[in-house]
Amino acid sequence: MTLSAPPDEQTARARGVHAMFFVVTPDPAGLARLASLVDQGRLRPVVSQVFPLSEGRRAFESGSRPRPPGKTVLTVR
């Protein structure tokens, strides 16, 4: 789900959940550093499953079912 404004805290509390709003700022230098660590073998991402981009919906829906730990990856090429 994508939010464009902070969630209503009273509604979240009434439903027994903790709602949080945050904004992610792009960091090209940080991403390049992470890529370098992966290339050096010093950082190993854990991949749970891989889908072609054409199966993006199936990949998204897979998050609602049990699966091995790790990230879901969409391949673009």
N, C-alpha and C. Protein backbone atom coordinates (compact mmCIF):
# COMPACT_ATOMS: atom_id res chain seq x y z
N MET A 1 0.84 -1.17 0.00
CA MET A 1 0.00 0.00 0.00
C MET A 1 0.89 1.24 0.00
N THR A 2 0.50 2.25 -0.72
CA THR A 2 1.23 3.51 -0.75
C THR A 2 0.37 4.58 -0.10
N LEU A 3 0.99 5.34 0.78
CA LEU A 3 0.28 6.42 1.45
C LEU A 3 0.87 7.75 1.00
N SER A 4 0.03 8.74 0.82
CA SER A 4 0.51 10.07 0.45
C SER A 4 0.52 11.01 1.64
N ALA A 5 0.02 10.54 2.77
CA ALA A 5 -0.01 11.34 3.99
C ALA A 5 0.07 10.40 5.19
N PRO A 6 0.46 10.91 6.35
CA PRO A 6 0.52 10.04 7.53
C PRO A 6 -0.82 9.36 7.80
N PRO A 7 -0.80 8.09 8.23
CA PRO A 7 -2.05 7.38 8.54
C PRO A 7 -2.70 7.96 9.79
N ASP A 8 -3.99 7.76 9.89
CA ASP A 8 -4.73 8.22 11.05
C ASP A 8 -4.42 7.32 12.25
N GLU A 9 -3.80 7.88 13.28
CA GLU A 9 -3.37 7.09 14.43
C GLU A 9 -4.53 6.48 15.19
N GLN A 10 -5.64 7.20 15.31
CA GLN A 10 -6.81 6.67 16.04
C GLN A 10 -7.38 5.45 15.32
N THR A 11 -7.46 5.52 14.00
CA THR A 11 -7.99 4.39 13.23
C THR A 11 -7.07 3.18 13.38
N ALA A 12 -5.78 3.42 13.29
CA ALA A 12 -4.82 2.32 13.45
C ALA A 12 -4.94 1.68 14.84
N ARG A 13 -4.99 2.51 15.86
CA ARG A 13 -5.09 2.02 17.24
C ARG A 13 -6.38 1.22 17.42
N ALA A 14 -7.49 1.70 16.85
CA ALA A 14 -8.77 1.01 16.96
C ALA A 14 -8.72 -0.38 16.31
N ARG A 15 -7.85 -0.53 15.32
CA ARG A 15 -7.72 -1.81 14.63
C ARG A 15 -6.57 -2.65 15.18
N GLY A 16 -5.94 -2.15 16.23
CA GLY A 16 -4.89 -2.92 16.89
C GLY A 16 -3.58 -2.99 16.12
N VAL A 17 -3.30 -1.97 15.32
CA VAL A 17 -2.06 -1.97 14.56
C VAL A 17 -1.28 -0.69 14.83
N HIS A 18 0.00 -0.75 14.56
CA HIS A 18 0.86 0.42 14.66
C HIS A 18 1.09 0.91 13.25
N ALA A 19 0.70 2.13 12.95
CA ALA A 19 0.86 2.70 11.61
C ALA A 19 2.00 3.71 11.64
N MET A 20 2.80 3.68 10.60
CA MET A 20 3.97 4.56 10.54
C MET A 20 4.08 5.16 9.14
N PHE A 21 4.49 6.39 9.07
CA PHE A 21 4.69 7.08 7.80
C PHE A 21 6.14 7.50 7.70
N PHE A 22 6.77 7.20 6.58
CA PHE A 22 8.15 7.64 6.39
C PHE A 22 8.38 7.87 4.90
N VAL A 23 9.38 8.65 4.60
CA VAL A 23 9.74 8.96 3.22
C VAL A 23 11.17 8.47 2.99
N VAL A 24 11.37 7.77 1.91
CA VAL A 24 12.70 7.27 1.56
C VAL A 24 13.31 8.24 0.56
N THR A 25 14.50 8.69 0.87
CA THR A 25 15.22 9.61 -0.02
C THR A 25 16.22 8.81 -0.84
N PRO A 26 16.22 8.97 -2.16
CA PRO A 26 17.19 8.25 -2.98
C PRO A 26 18.62 8.59 -2.57
N ASP A 27 19.48 7.59 -2.56
CA ASP A 27 20.87 7.77 -2.18
C ASP A 27 21.77 7.00 -3.16
N PRO A 28 22.06 7.59 -4.32
CA PRO A 28 22.86 6.88 -5.33
C PRO A 28 24.22 6.43 -4.81
N ALA A 29 24.88 7.24 -4.00
CA ALA A 29 26.20 6.86 -3.48
C ALA A 29 26.08 5.65 -2.56
N GLY A 30 25.07 5.63 -1.72
CA GLY A 30 24.86 4.50 -0.82
C GLY A 30 24.54 3.22 -1.59
N LEU A 31 23.73 3.36 -2.64
CA LEU A 31 23.39 2.20 -3.46
C LEU A 31 24.63 1.68 -4.18
N ALA A 32 25.48 2.58 -4.68
CA ALA A 32 26.72 2.17 -5.34
C ALA A 32 27.63 1.44 -4.36
N ARG A 33 27.68 1.90 -3.11
CA ARG A 33 28.50 1.25 -2.09
C ARG A 33 27.99 -0.16 -1.81
N LEU A 34 26.67 -0.32 -1.70
CA LEU A 34 26.09 -1.64 -1.49
C LEU A 34 26.39 -2.56 -2.67
N ALA A 35 26.26 -2.04 -3.89
CA ALA A 35 26.57 -2.84 -5.08
C ALA A 35 28.02 -3.28 -5.07
N SER A 36 28.91 -2.40 -4.65
CA SER A 36 30.33 -2.74 -4.57
C SER A 36 30.56 -3.86 -3.56
N LEU A 37 29.90 -3.78 -2.41
CA LEU A 37 30.04 -4.83 -1.40
C LEU A 37 29.54 -6.18 -1.92
N VAL A 38 28.45 -6.16 -2.69
CA VAL A 38 27.93 -7.39 -3.28
C VAL A 38 28.95 -7.92 -4.27
N ASP A 39 29.48 -7.04 -5.14
CA ASP A 39 30.48 -7.46 -6.14
C ASP A 39 31.72 -8.06 -5.50
N GLN A 40 32.10 -7.55 -4.33
CA GLN A 40 33.28 -8.05 -3.61
C GLN A 40 32.98 -9.32 -2.82
N GLY A 41 31.72 -9.70 -2.76
CA GLY A 41 31.34 -10.88 -1.99
C GLY A 41 31.28 -10.62 -0.49
N ARG A 42 31.32 -9.35 -0.09
CA ARG A 42 31.26 -9.02 1.33
C ARG A 42 29.84 -8.84 1.84
N LEU A 43 28.89 -8.76 0.93
CA LEU A 43 27.47 -8.63 1.27
C LEU A 43 26.72 -9.60 0.37
N ARG A 44 25.93 -10.46 0.99
CA ARG A 44 25.19 -11.45 0.21
C ARG A 44 23.70 -11.28 0.44
N PRO A 45 23.01 -10.71 -0.54
CA PRO A 45 21.57 -10.56 -0.39
C PRO A 45 20.90 -11.94 -0.38
N VAL A 46 19.87 -12.08 0.41
CA VAL A 46 19.12 -13.34 0.48
C VAL A 46 17.90 -13.20 -0.43
N VAL A 47 17.86 -14.04 -1.45
CA VAL A 47 16.76 -14.01 -2.42
C VAL A 47 15.85 -15.20 -2.16
N SER A 48 14.59 -14.91 -1.96
CA SER A 48 13.60 -15.95 -1.70
C SER A 48 13.05 -16.53 -3.00
N GLN A 49 12.74 -15.63 -3.93
CA GLN A 49 12.11 -16.07 -5.16
C GLN A 49 12.36 -15.03 -6.25
N VAL A 50 12.31 -15.50 -7.51
CA VAL A 50 12.58 -14.63 -8.65
C VAL A 50 11.44 -14.80 -9.65
N PHE A 51 10.94 -13.67 -10.15
CA PHE A 51 9.88 -13.67 -11.15
C PHE A 51 10.29 -12.78 -12.32
N PRO A 52 9.87 -13.11 -13.54
CA PRO A 52 10.06 -12.15 -14.64
C PRO A 52 9.12 -10.96 -14.42
N LEU A 53 9.49 -9.82 -14.94
CA LEU A 53 8.68 -8.60 -14.76
C LEU A 53 7.24 -8.83 -15.21
N SER A 54 7.06 -9.65 -16.24
CA SER A 54 5.70 -9.91 -16.74
C SER A 54 4.81 -10.60 -15.71
N GLU A 55 5.42 -11.17 -14.66
CA GLU A 55 4.65 -11.83 -13.60
C GLU A 55 4.68 -11.01 -12.31
N GLY A 56 4.77 -9.68 -12.46
CA GLY A 56 4.83 -8.80 -11.30
C GLY A 56 3.65 -8.96 -10.36
N ARG A 57 2.48 -9.12 -10.91
CA ARG A 57 1.30 -9.29 -10.06
C ARG A 57 1.42 -10.56 -9.21
N ARG A 58 1.84 -11.66 -9.84
CA ARG A 58 2.02 -12.91 -9.10
C ARG A 58 3.08 -12.76 -8.01
N ALA A 59 4.14 -12.03 -8.33
CA ALA A 59 5.19 -11.79 -7.34
C ALA A 59 4.63 -11.02 -6.15
N PHE A 60 3.87 -9.97 -6.42
CA PHE A 60 3.27 -9.17 -5.35
C PHE A 60 2.34 -10.03 -4.50
N GLU A 61 1.49 -10.80 -5.14
CA GLU A 61 0.53 -11.62 -4.41
C GLU A 61 1.21 -12.73 -3.62
N SER A 62 2.40 -13.12 -3.99
CA SER A 62 3.10 -14.18 -3.27
C SER A 62 3.47 -13.75 -1.86
N GLY A 63 3.49 -12.45 -1.60
CA GLY A 63 3.81 -11.95 -0.28
C GLY A 63 2.76 -12.28 0.76
N SER A 64 1.58 -12.67 0.32
CA SER A 64 0.52 -12.99 1.28
C SER A 64 0.52 -14.47 1.65
N ARG A 65 1.46 -15.25 1.07
CA ARG A 65 1.54 -16.68 1.37
C ARG A 65 2.88 -16.99 2.03
N PRO A 66 2.95 -18.07 2.79
CA PRO A 66 4.24 -18.46 3.38
C PRO A 66 5.27 -18.73 2.29
N ARG A 67 6.51 -18.31 2.55
CA ARG A 67 7.60 -18.53 1.61
C ARG A 67 8.91 -18.48 2.38
N PRO A 68 10.00 -18.93 1.77
CA PRO A 68 11.28 -18.87 2.47
C PRO A 68 11.70 -17.42 2.76
N PRO A 69 12.52 -17.20 3.77
CA PRO A 69 12.97 -15.84 4.06
C PRO A 69 13.77 -15.27 2.88
N GLY A 70 13.74 -13.98 2.73
CA GLY A 70 14.50 -13.32 1.68
C GLY A 70 13.64 -12.40 0.86
N LYS A 71 14.27 -11.77 -0.10
CA LYS A 71 13.59 -10.80 -0.96
C LYS A 71 13.00 -11.47 -2.19
N THR A 72 11.93 -10.88 -2.68
CA THR A 72 11.36 -11.27 -3.96
C THR A 72 11.97 -10.36 -5.01
N VAL A 73 12.47 -10.95 -6.08
CA VAL A 73 13.17 -10.20 -7.12
C VAL A 73 12.39 -10.30 -8.43
N LEU A 74 12.25 -9.15 -9.12
CA LEU A 74 11.70 -9.12 -10.46
C LEU A 74 12.85 -8.93 -11.45
N THR A 75 12.95 -9.81 -12.43
CA THR A 75 13.99 -9.67 -13.44
C THR A 75 13.45 -8.82 -14.58
N VAL A 76 14.26 -7.89 -15.05
CA VAL A 76 13.82 -6.95 -16.08
C VAL A 76 14.34 -7.35 -17.45
N ARG A 77 15.42 -8.09 -17.50
CA ARG A 77 16.00 -8.46 -18.81
C ARG A 77 15.51 -9.76 -19.29
